[in-house]
């Protein structure tokens, strides 16, 4: 019962933070937004591996039901803003030439997709 209550609380946190992330990710570069979300995330608790995986699942579920295509950038930003451990991890942005829709990927820490190489990578 306790775990399900935490999942519901996480879902509410995601839904609360989502409008701010959505507005700002389209209006500004990642630097200022990531800085703000890191400050917010550092005030959150640091989760266990299981709790963090649960948060990632909740974020993924919300991401999938939003209009448009799922967004790894949105998911990473939400995680940074909601978990103290994620707030301390490097945000990686990999881009493949020639660019265009779906030509890149964003991930936290060491969770890169194995076997995929990027022509350019930015770390924040």
Protein backbone atom coordinates (compact mmCIF):
# COMPACT_ATOMS: atom_id res chain seq x y z
CA UNK A 1 0.00 0.00 0.00
CA UNK A 2 2.82 2.42 0.88
CA UNK A 3 4.52 1.98 -2.51
CA UNK A 4 1.32 2.73 -4.38
CA UNK A 5 0.87 5.91 -2.33
CA UNK A 6 4.39 6.98 -3.34
CA UNK A 7 3.59 6.30 -7.00
CA UNK A 8 0.47 8.46 -6.80
CA UNK A 9 2.45 11.23 -5.07
CA UNK A 10 5.12 11.02 -7.79
CA UNK A 11 2.46 11.21 -10.50
CA UNK A 12 1.10 14.37 -8.90
CA UNK A 13 4.59 15.88 -8.70
CA UNK A 14 5.19 15.09 -12.38
CA UNK A 15 1.86 16.62 -13.42
CA UNK A 16 2.55 19.72 -11.31
CA UNK A 17 6.03 20.29 -12.79
CA UNK A 18 5.12 19.36 -16.37
CA UNK A 19 3.63 22.70 -17.54
CA UNK A 20 6.72 24.63 -16.44
CA UNK A 21 9.04 22.17 -18.19
CA UNK A 22 6.94 22.18 -21.37
CA UNK A 23 6.77 25.96 -21.60
CA UNK A 24 10.44 26.54 -20.96
CA UNK A 25 11.92 23.72 -23.02
CA UNK A 26 10.54 25.33 -26.18
CA UNK A 27 11.36 28.93 -25.24
CA UNK A 28 14.95 28.79 -24.07
CA UNK A 29 18.14 26.82 -24.27
CA UNK A 30 18.81 23.98 -21.90
CA UNK A 31 21.32 25.82 -19.67
CA UNK A 32 18.98 28.06 -17.65
CA UNK A 33 16.21 25.45 -17.47
CA UNK A 34 18.55 22.68 -16.33
CA UNK A 35 20.06 25.01 -13.71
CA UNK A 36 16.61 25.81 -12.32
CA UNK A 37 15.50 22.19 -12.32
CA UNK A 38 18.74 21.08 -10.64
CA UNK A 39 18.15 23.59 -7.83
CA UNK A 40 14.62 22.26 -7.44
CA UNK A 41 15.73 18.63 -7.63
CA UNK A 42 18.43 19.13 -5.00
CA UNK A 43 15.67 20.08 -2.55
CA UNK A 44 13.93 16.76 -3.21
CA UNK A 45 14.88 13.56 -1.50
CA UNK A 46 17.50 11.24 -2.93
CA UNK A 47 15.70 8.04 -3.89
CA UNK A 48 16.80 4.45 -3.69
CA UNK A 49 17.38 2.62 -6.99
CA UNK A 50 13.90 1.10 -6.78
CA UNK A 51 12.25 4.43 -6.00
CA UNK A 52 14.13 6.11 -8.83
CA UNK A 53 13.06 3.39 -11.26
CA UNK A 54 9.47 3.91 -10.09
CA UNK A 55 9.79 7.65 -10.72
CA UNK A 56 11.18 6.97 -14.19
CA UNK A 57 8.22 4.68 -14.94
CA UNK A 58 5.74 7.33 -13.79
CA UNK A 59 7.49 9.99 -15.88
CA UNK A 60 7.51 7.63 -18.87
CA UNK A 61 3.81 6.92 -18.52
CA UNK A 62 2.94 10.62 -18.39
CA UNK A 63 5.28 11.28 -21.34
CA UNK A 64 3.55 8.60 -23.45
CA UNK A 65 0.04 9.93 -22.88
CA UNK A 66 0.85 13.54 -23.80
CA UNK A 67 -0.04 14.78 -27.29
CA UNK A 68 2.74 14.39 -29.83
CA UNK A 69 5.64 12.00 -29.66
CA UNK A 70 7.37 10.95 -26.44
CA UNK A 71 10.38 13.09 -25.56
CA UNK A 72 13.58 11.87 -23.91
CA UNK A 73 14.45 15.53 -23.22
CA UNK A 74 11.16 16.09 -21.36
CA UNK A 75 11.67 12.88 -19.35
CA UNK A 76 15.23 13.84 -18.35
CA UNK A 77 14.20 17.37 -17.34
CA UNK A 78 11.36 16.07 -15.17
CA UNK A 79 13.64 13.57 -13.47
CA UNK A 80 16.25 16.26 -12.75
CA UNK A 81 13.55 18.43 -11.16
CA UNK A 82 12.12 15.65 -9.00
CA UNK A 83 15.09 13.65 -7.70
CA UNK A 84 18.17 14.81 -5.82
CA UNK A 85 20.33 12.08 -7.37
CA UNK A 86 19.26 12.97 -10.91
CA UNK A 87 19.91 16.64 -10.16
CA UNK A 88 23.59 15.78 -9.67
CA UNK A 89 23.98 13.75 -12.85
CA UNK A 90 25.28 15.03 -16.16
CA UNK A 91 22.64 15.68 -18.83
CA UNK A 92 23.90 14.40 -22.20
CA UNK A 93 22.52 15.52 -25.56
CA UNK A 94 23.62 13.45 -28.56
CA UNK A 95 22.92 14.58 -32.12
CA UNK A 96 23.29 12.73 -35.43
CA UNK A 97 23.93 14.39 -38.79
CA UNK A 98 22.05 15.55 -40.87
CA UNK A 99 19.73 16.53 -38.01
CA UNK A 100 15.99 16.89 -38.14
CA UNK A 101 13.24 15.26 -36.11
CA UNK A 102 14.26 12.29 -33.98
CA UNK A 103 17.94 12.64 -34.89
CA UNK A 104 19.18 12.85 -31.33
CA UNK A 105 18.79 11.57 -27.82
CA UNK A 106 19.00 12.99 -24.31
CA UNK A 107 19.96 10.95 -21.26
CA UNK A 108 21.21 11.28 -17.70
CA UNK A 109 24.41 9.89 -16.24
CA UNK A 110 25.63 6.66 -17.78
CA UNK A 111 22.31 5.52 -19.28
CA UNK A 112 23.29 5.99 -22.94
CA UNK A 113 21.81 3.60 -25.47
CA UNK A 114 24.52 1.01 -26.16
CA UNK A 115 25.78 0.79 -29.73
CA UNK A 116 24.50 4.20 -30.83
CA UNK A 117 27.09 6.78 -31.82
CA UNK A 118 26.40 10.50 -32.10
CA UNK A 119 28.16 12.97 -34.36
CA UNK A 120 28.06 15.60 -31.61
CA UNK A 121 27.45 15.36 -27.89
CA UNK A 122 26.83 18.16 -25.42
CA UNK A 123 27.11 17.58 -21.69
CA UNK A 124 25.45 19.87 -19.19
